[in-house]
Amino acid sequence: MKIAYVSNGRMFLCNEGKVSELPCERAAKYADTVNEINRNKEWKHSGKGAEFMGTLEHYTDAANSACMYSISAADSGIIYSAKLGEMGAIYRKDTDSPKAPEGHIYTGMNRNISDISFKDGRIAAIMDGHLAIFDERGDYEEITDGASIESSPFWSASDGRILCSTVGVAIEGGTGVSPSSILSLDMEAGKIDELFADKENDLIKPMNDADGNYYFIRKPYKIPKDKREPMLKSVLLFPVRIIKAIIGFLNAFSVIFGGEPLRKNQRRDDVKTKNKSGRELYFEGRLLEAEKNEKENADSGDKNPSIFPRSRVLVKVAPDGSETVLKKGVLDYTLCDDGVIFSNGKELILLDRNGEEKVIANAAFAENINVIK
């Protein structure tokens, strides 16, 4: 079994349990071109002369500005979306010959193309937060617009509909968003239906199978907090914050240059600027307490404990409406002939139709999981 996935902006292929990175020809060419341009202009922006004229610049490797967002299985290979500097792009790649020339489908300046799904020559893609449908020549039609943000499109396994997640965005009175719900879009009938919604939870990454079952990940909805303080409170706290900043600076200065903290009961390594644990990671803009989550999942008897909280669950809804929680602590998943392949943040795992789990491979933060047939 061949499984393609994305992890931290890079593409990987798991072939019979062995994982290798999929080289991205387009990202490499983009990085080479930008780096060459920067080298040719370097004399204008380096040295004492540039420093005196105020034109001094420090360039970073352009490879850091290339990011693979999403992949979707297509024939013997994959379709993938990428961000190359200011360009959004969609390309085709043959996973049987990873170094073969890639096929170009679309590039657009100042476009952001994220999640994609391919079926029968059409690509459902999230472009600038809304759903669009591309053909393989790069022509597209925008399907949704307005005060909402769509994500995770999926071509229905039973008909021509597209499933996706959506959140409503507040236009007036703040920048809040509603819990994520799941839509069904039938382009032929010109119809949009809300399939599932929950006031207390986000419902994301929808899929279905040919038997009429629906799947999605459910996680607690967190109300966005307005971090702005009232002006009066900021003014009153200003002297306190200045004093704390001065004390903190002097304490850090003493630790760095004198080897001793100002406070007698403070250890040398007990400073706020120390590095976080390697298991304290960020995901979706929030601190992920990986070690804590893994321990809680292990204590609950999970065979392959996840680094994600147990409140993030994979749900199956049968045609009669009955709901089953298939697995807790799921980062992402996909359907396959043998059951469900999911990521617990550390590994790819097969959950077969009997509920048994089998680790396929180590795969950190595997998302956009696709089985290549």
Protein backbone atom coordinates (compact mmCIF):
# COMPACT_ATOMS: atom_id res chain seq x y z
CA MET A 1 0.00 0.00 0.00
CA LYS A 2 1.28 3.46 -0.96
CA ILE A 3 0.22 6.42 1.18
CA ALA A 4 1.08 10.05 0.45
CA TYR A 5 0.79 12.78 3.09
CA VAL A 6 1.93 16.27 4.05
CA SER A 7 3.91 17.10 7.19
CA ASN A 8 5.12 20.59 8.13
CA GLY A 9 4.83 21.88 4.55
CA ARG A 10 6.66 18.91 2.96
CA MET A 11 5.36 15.88 1.03
CA PHE A 12 6.08 12.29 1.97
CA LEU A 13 5.38 8.85 0.52
CA CYS A 14 4.93 5.73 2.65
CA ASN A 15 5.47 2.65 0.47
CA GLU A 16 4.85 -0.65 2.28
CA GLY A 17 5.80 0.94 5.60
CA LYS A 18 8.93 2.73 4.37
CA VAL A 19 8.74 6.55 4.42
CA SER A 20 10.64 8.84 2.07
CA GLU A 21 10.26 12.52 1.23
CA LEU A 22 8.73 13.35 -2.13
CA PRO A 23 10.96 15.90 -3.86
CA CYS A 24 9.11 18.97 -5.06
CA GLU A 25 10.54 20.05 -8.42
CA ARG A 26 8.59 23.31 -8.53
CA ALA A 27 9.65 24.40 -5.04
CA ALA A 28 13.30 23.64 -5.84
CA LYS A 29 13.18 25.62 -9.11
CA TYR A 30 11.47 28.52 -7.38
CA ALA A 31 14.08 28.58 -4.61
CA ASP A 32 16.97 28.40 -7.09
CA THR A 33 15.55 31.28 -9.16
CA VAL A 34 14.90 33.58 -6.18
CA ASN A 35 18.29 32.82 -4.61
CA GLU A 36 20.04 33.59 -7.91
CA ILE A 37 18.21 36.93 -8.16
CA ASN A 38 19.22 37.75 -4.58
CA ARG A 39 22.86 36.89 -5.27
CA ASN A 40 22.89 39.13 -8.33
CA LYS A 41 21.55 42.04 -6.26
CA GLU A 42 23.61 41.30 -3.17
CA TRP A 43 26.31 43.87 -3.95
CA LYS A 44 23.70 46.64 -3.75
CA HIS A 45 22.52 45.64 -0.29
CA SER A 46 25.62 44.46 1.58
CA GLY A 47 28.79 45.94 3.01
CA LYS A 48 29.60 49.24 4.71
CA GLY A 49 28.34 51.30 1.78
CA ALA A 50 24.88 49.78 1.95
CA GLU A 51 24.89 50.18 5.73
CA PHE A 52 25.78 53.87 5.37
CA MET A 53 23.10 54.42 2.70
CA GLY A 54 20.48 52.57 4.75
CA THR A 55 19.94 49.90 2.09
CA LEU A 56 21.44 47.00 4.05
CA GLU A 57 19.35 43.83 3.67
CA HIS A 58 19.74 40.24 4.86
CA TYR A 59 18.31 37.59 2.58
CA THR A 60 17.09 34.20 3.79
CA ASP A 61 17.02 31.00 1.81
CA ALA A 62 14.03 31.15 -0.56
CA ALA A 63 13.32 27.47 0.13
CA ASN A 64 11.79 28.60 3.43
CA SER A 65 9.11 30.54 1.54
CA ALA A 66 7.95 27.47 -0.42
CA CYS A 67 5.28 25.38 1.31
CA MET A 68 3.22 22.39 0.23
CA TYR A 69 -0.33 22.79 1.55
CA SER A 70 -2.38 19.82 0.44
CA ILE A 71 -2.35 16.70 -1.75
CA SER A 72 -4.99 14.51 -3.33
CA ALA A 73 -4.63 11.09 -4.96
CA ALA A 74 -5.00 11.23 -8.75
CA ASP A 75 -4.58 8.20 -11.02
CA SER A 76 -1.09 6.78 -10.31
CA GLY A 77 0.12 9.92 -8.57
CA ILE A 78 -1.04 13.03 -6.75
CA ILE A 79 -2.25 16.56 -7.31
CA TYR A 80 -0.72 19.02 -4.85
CA SER A 81 -1.21 22.66 -3.92
CA ALA A 82 1.65 24.91 -2.90
CA LYS A 83 2.58 28.42 -1.88
CA LEU A 84 5.66 29.69 -3.71
CA GLY A 85 6.41 33.14 -2.34
CA GLU A 86 3.42 35.25 -3.38
CA MET A 87 2.07 32.64 -5.82
CA GLY A 88 -0.54 29.99 -5.18
CA ALA A 89 -0.14 26.91 -7.37
CA ILE A 90 -1.48 23.48 -8.27
CA TYR A 91 0.71 20.76 -9.84
CA ARG A 92 0.54 17.08 -10.76
CA LYS A 93 3.20 14.60 -9.63
CA ASP A 94 3.85 10.95 -10.54
CA THR A 95 4.65 9.05 -7.34
CA ASP A 96 6.00 6.07 -9.36
CA SER A 97 8.68 8.38 -10.79
CA PRO A 98 9.16 11.12 -8.17
CA LYS A 99 11.97 12.81 -10.12
CA ALA A 100 10.01 12.97 -13.38
CA PRO A 101 8.91 16.44 -14.62
CA GLU A 102 5.81 17.65 -12.82
CA GLY A 103 2.69 18.75 -14.63
CA HIS A 104 1.56 22.36 -14.27
CA ILE A 105 -2.14 23.00 -13.69
CA TYR A 106 -2.42 26.50 -12.24
CA THR A 107 -0.40 29.37 -10.78
CA GLY A 108 -1.81 32.70 -9.64
CA MET A 109 -0.09 35.73 -8.13
CA ASN A 110 -1.39 36.77 -4.70
CA ARG A 111 -3.57 33.66 -4.54
CA ASN A 112 -3.72 31.31 -1.58
CA ILE A 113 -4.68 27.75 -2.51
CA SER A 114 -4.93 25.39 0.44
CA ASP A 115 -7.01 22.18 0.70
CA ILE A 116 -7.75 20.24 -2.50
CA SER A 117 -9.64 17.11 -3.61
CA PHE A 118 -9.44 15.44 -7.04
CA LYS A 119 -12.03 13.29 -8.83
CA ASP A 120 -12.72 12.51 -12.50
CA GLY A 121 -10.57 15.32 -13.88
CA ARG A 122 -11.89 18.01 -11.55
CA ILE A 123 -10.19 19.60 -8.54
CA ALA A 124 -12.19 21.03 -5.66
CA ALA A 125 -9.88 23.60 -4.05
CA ILE A 126 -10.04 26.20 -1.32
CA MET A 127 -8.82 29.41 -2.93
CA ASP A 128 -8.54 32.50 -0.73
CA GLY A 129 -10.84 30.87 1.82
CA HIS A 130 -13.62 29.88 -0.59
CA LEU A 131 -14.45 26.83 -2.67
CA ALA A 132 -13.50 26.78 -6.36
CA ILE A 133 -13.52 23.99 -8.95
CA PHE A 134 -10.59 23.65 -11.37
CA ASP A 135 -10.22 21.49 -14.45
CA GLU A 136 -6.86 19.99 -15.38
CA ARG A 137 -6.07 22.91 -17.71
CA GLY A 138 -6.22 25.38 -14.81
CA ASP A 139 -9.57 26.98 -15.67
CA TYR A 140 -11.74 27.43 -12.61
CA GLU A 141 -15.11 28.52 -11.32
CA GLU A 142 -15.57 30.07 -7.89
CA ILE A 143 -18.44 28.39 -6.05
CA THR A 144 -18.75 30.12 -2.65
CA ASP A 145 -18.17 33.66 -1.41
CA GLY A 146 -19.31 36.02 1.33
CA ALA A 147 -18.73 36.08 5.09
CA SER A 148 -17.56 32.51 5.50
CA ILE A 149 -14.37 30.47 5.27
CA GLU A 150 -14.42 26.99 3.76
CA SER A 151 -11.92 24.16 4.22
CA SER A 152 -11.32 20.43 3.59
CA PRO A 153 -13.30 19.83 0.37
CA PHE A 154 -14.06 16.18 -0.45
CA TRP A 155 -15.75 14.75 -3.54
CA SER A 156 -18.58 12.52 -2.40
CA ALA A 157 -17.93 8.81 -2.87
CA SER A 158 -21.58 8.15 -3.75
CA ASP A 159 -22.48 11.00 -6.14
CA GLY A 160 -21.24 14.30 -7.62
CA ARG A 161 -21.56 16.45 -4.49
CA ILE A 162 -18.73 18.19 -2.66
CA LEU A 163 -18.53 18.02 1.13
CA CYS A 164 -16.63 20.70 3.03
CA SER A 165 -16.31 22.44 6.39
CA THR A 166 -17.33 26.08 6.80
CA VAL A 167 -17.27 28.77 9.47
CA GLY A 168 -19.21 32.02 9.52
CA VAL A 169 -17.18 35.19 10.04
CA ALA A 170 -18.52 38.20 11.96
CA ILE A 171 -18.39 41.34 9.81
CA GLU A 172 -19.60 43.85 12.39
CA GLY A 173 -18.86 44.06 16.09
CA GLY A 174 -15.68 41.97 16.10
CA THR A 175 -13.72 39.32 14.29
CA GLY A 176 -15.23 36.19 15.78
CA VAL A 177 -16.07 33.01 13.92
CA SER A 178 -18.82 30.47 14.43
CA PRO A 179 -18.27 26.77 15.13
CA SER A 180 -17.31 24.86 11.99
CA SER A 181 -20.18 22.95 10.38
CA ILE A 182 -20.33 20.59 7.40
CA LEU A 183 -21.93 21.44 4.07
CA SER A 184 -22.97 19.47 1.02
CA LEU A 185 -22.80 21.31 -2.31
CA ASP A 186 -24.65 19.90 -5.31
CA MET A 187 -23.55 21.95 -8.33
CA GLU A 188 -25.91 20.26 -10.78
CA ALA A 189 -28.95 21.03 -8.64
CA GLY A 190 -27.57 24.38 -7.48
CA LYS A 191 -28.20 23.33 -3.91
CA ILE A 192 -26.27 23.77 -0.64
CA ASP A 193 -27.32 21.82 2.46
CA GLU A 194 -25.97 21.86 6.00
CA LEU A 195 -25.41 18.22 6.89
CA PHE A 196 -24.03 18.47 10.42
CA ALA A 197 -23.66 21.28 12.95
CA ASP A 198 -22.91 21.51 16.67
CA LYS A 199 -23.00 24.67 18.78
CA GLU A 200 -20.41 23.26 21.20
CA ASN A 201 -17.95 21.72 18.72
CA ASP A 202 -16.10 22.25 15.46
CA LEU A 203 -16.85 19.61 12.84
CA ILE A 204 -14.02 19.36 10.31
CA LYS A 205 -12.53 17.17 7.55
CA PRO A 206 -15.73 15.51 6.24
CA MET A 207 -15.76 12.34 4.10
CA ASN A 208 -18.30 9.71 3.11
CA ASP A 209 -18.27 6.22 1.64
CA ALA A 210 -20.32 4.40 -0.98
CA ASP A 211 -22.47 2.80 1.75
CA GLY A 212 -23.87 6.16 2.88
CA ASN A 213 -21.77 6.60 6.02
CA TYR A 214 -20.36 10.02 6.87
CA TYR A 215 -17.12 10.68 8.74
CA PHE A 216 -15.64 13.81 10.31
CA ILE A 217 -13.41 14.99 13.15
CA ARG A 218 -15.13 16.67 16.09
CA LYS A 219 -13.24 18.92 18.49
CA PRO A 220 -14.32 21.46 21.14
CA TYR A 221 -15.18 24.89 19.80
CA LYS A 222 -13.16 27.63 21.44
CA ILE A 223 -14.61 31.12 21.40
CA PRO A 224 -12.01 33.54 20.02
CA LYS A 225 -10.87 35.89 22.73
CA ASP A 226 -10.57 39.60 22.16
CA LYS A 227 -7.10 40.28 23.48
CA ARG A 228 -7.49 44.03 23.48
CA GLU A 229 -7.59 45.63 26.93
CA PRO A 230 -9.66 48.63 27.89
CA MET A 231 -7.59 51.81 27.55
CA LEU A 232 -8.00 52.73 31.26
CA LYS A 233 -6.66 49.33 32.36
CA SER A 234 -3.64 49.66 30.06
CA VAL A 235 -2.85 53.13 31.44
CA LEU A 236 -3.13 51.99 35.07
CA LEU A 237 -0.93 48.93 34.50
CA PHE A 238 1.73 50.82 32.53
CA PRO A 239 3.99 51.72 35.55
CA VAL A 240 3.75 48.15 36.89
CA ARG A 241 4.76 46.69 33.55
CA ILE A 242 7.69 49.09 33.22
CA ILE A 243 9.01 48.06 36.66
CA LYS A 244 8.59 44.34 35.85
CA ALA A 245 10.39 44.83 32.54
CA ILE A 246 13.34 46.59 34.22
CA ILE A 247 13.64 43.92 36.92
CA GLY A 248 13.37 41.15 34.33
CA PHE A 249 16.08 42.77 32.18
CA LEU A 250 18.45 43.20 35.14
CA ASN A 251 17.86 39.61 36.26
CA ALA A 252 18.54 38.25 32.75
CA PHE A 253 21.65 40.48 32.49
CA SER A 254 22.94 39.08 35.80
CA VAL A 255 22.36 35.47 34.72
CA ILE A 256 24.04 35.92 31.32
CA PHE A 257 27.09 37.93 32.34
CA GLY A 258 27.50 37.18 36.05
CA GLY A 259 26.35 33.59 36.18
CA GLU A 260 24.08 34.33 39.16
CA PRO A 261 20.43 35.37 39.31
CA LEU A 262 19.40 38.44 41.33
CA ARG A 263 16.91 36.36 43.30
CA LYS A 264 18.64 33.97 45.71
CA ASN A 265 16.00 31.24 45.38
CA GLN A 266 16.12 31.18 41.58
CA ARG A 267 18.16 28.55 39.76
CA ARG A 268 20.29 29.67 36.87
CA ASP A 269 18.13 27.84 34.33
CA ASP A 270 14.85 29.05 35.85
CA VAL A 271 14.18 31.95 33.48
CA LYS A 272 11.20 32.62 31.28
CA THR A 273 13.33 32.70 28.16
CA LYS A 274 14.50 29.09 28.49
CA ASN A 275 13.62 26.77 25.63
CA LYS A 276 10.35 24.88 25.76
CA SER A 277 10.35 21.13 25.98
CA GLY A 278 10.57 19.31 22.68
CA ARG A 279 7.13 17.84 23.39
CA GLU A 280 5.56 21.31 23.78
CA LEU A 281 4.56 21.96 20.20
CA TYR A 282 2.28 24.41 18.42
CA PHE A 283 -0.61 23.24 16.27
CA GLU A 284 -3.33 25.42 14.72
CA GLY A 285 -1.85 28.40 16.56
CA ARG A 286 -2.18 26.83 20.01
CA LEU A 287 0.26 25.14 22.34
CA LEU A 288 -0.01 21.37 21.99
CA GLU A 289 0.90 19.65 25.26
CA ALA A 290 2.05 16.52 23.48
CA GLU A 291 3.64 14.74 26.42
CA LYS A 292 0.65 15.37 28.69
CA ASN A 293 -1.84 14.26 26.04
CA GLU A 294 0.13 11.11 25.27
CA LYS A 295 0.22 10.14 28.95
CA GLU A 296 -3.53 10.73 29.38
CA ASN A 297 -4.27 8.63 26.29
CA ALA A 298 -1.97 5.85 27.48
CA ASP A 299 -3.55 5.90 30.96
CA SER A 300 -6.95 5.53 29.29
CA GLY A 301 -5.82 2.26 27.74
CA ASP A 302 -5.15 3.37 24.16
CA LYS A 303 -2.99 0.86 22.30
CA ASN A 304 -1.26 3.60 20.27
CA PRO A 305 -1.61 6.76 22.39
CA SER A 306 -1.94 10.04 20.52
CA ILE A 307 -0.15 13.31 21.24
CA PHE A 308 -3.48 15.07 20.61
CA PRO A 309 -6.18 15.50 23.25
CA ARG A 310 -8.90 12.87 23.59
CA SER A 311 -11.52 15.54 22.86
CA ARG A 312 -10.43 15.49 19.19
CA VAL A 313 -12.39 12.47 17.95
CA LEU A 314 -13.10 10.71 14.66
CA VAL A 315 -16.85 10.22 14.24
CA LYS A 316 -18.83 7.93 11.93
CA VAL A 317 -22.51 8.65 11.24
CA ALA A 318 -24.51 5.76 9.75
CA PRO A 319 -27.35 6.27 7.22
CA ASP A 320 -29.90 5.88 10.03
CA GLY A 321 -28.26 8.78 11.92
CA SER A 322 -26.61 6.69 14.63
CA GLU A 323 -23.19 7.99 15.66
CA THR A 324 -20.05 6.07 16.59
CA VAL A 325 -16.77 7.47 17.90
CA LEU A 326 -14.15 5.42 16.04
CA LYS A 327 -11.03 6.84 17.68
CA LYS A 328 -9.94 9.60 20.06
CA GLY A 329 -6.92 11.86 19.60
CA VAL A 330 -7.03 11.82 15.78
CA LEU A 331 -5.03 14.42 13.86
CA ASP A 332 -6.24 13.42 10.38
CA TYR A 333 -7.55 10.38 8.53
CA THR A 334 -8.60 8.85 5.22
CA LEU A 335 -10.81 5.97 4.16
CA CYS A 336 -9.46 2.83 2.51
CA ASP A 337 -10.73 -0.60 1.45
CA ASP A 338 -9.60 -2.15 4.75
CA GLY A 339 -11.08 0.52 7.05
CA VAL A 340 -9.62 3.85 8.15
CA ILE A 341 -6.03 5.09 8.11
CA PHE A 342 -5.44 7.78 10.71
CA SER A 343 -2.64 9.83 12.24
CA ASN A 344 -2.13 10.13 16.00
CA GLY A 345 0.50 12.83 15.46
CA LYS A 346 3.35 10.28 15.60
CA GLU A 347 2.34 7.37 13.39
CA LEU A 348 0.12 6.26 10.52
CA ILE A 349 -2.23 3.58 11.83
CA LEU A 350 -4.73 1.30 10.13
CA LEU A 351 -8.00 0.88 12.02
CA ASP A 352 -9.58 -2.14 10.36
CA ARG A 353 -13.27 -2.98 10.17
CA ASN A 354 -12.98 -5.15 13.29
CA GLY A 355 -11.65 -2.25 15.35
CA GLU A 356 -8.08 -3.60 15.45
CA GLU A 357 -5.16 -1.18 15.09
CA LYS A 358 -1.95 -1.77 13.16
CA VAL A 359 0.89 0.75 12.98
CA ILE A 360 1.90 1.29 9.36
CA ALA A 361 4.86 3.66 9.84
CA ASN A 362 6.30 6.44 11.95
CA ALA A 363 5.01 9.71 10.49
CA ALA A 364 5.17 12.90 12.55
CA PHE A 365 2.21 15.29 12.05
CA ALA A 366 0.88 13.47 8.97
CA GLU A 367 -2.02 15.34 7.37
CA ASN A 368 -3.80 15.21 3.99
CA ILE A 369 -3.45 11.41 4.04
CA ASN A 370 -4.14 9.77 0.66
CA VAL A 371 -4.00 6.15 -0.48
CA ILE A 372 -2.46 5.90 -3.97
CA LYS A 373 -4.20 3.16 -5.94
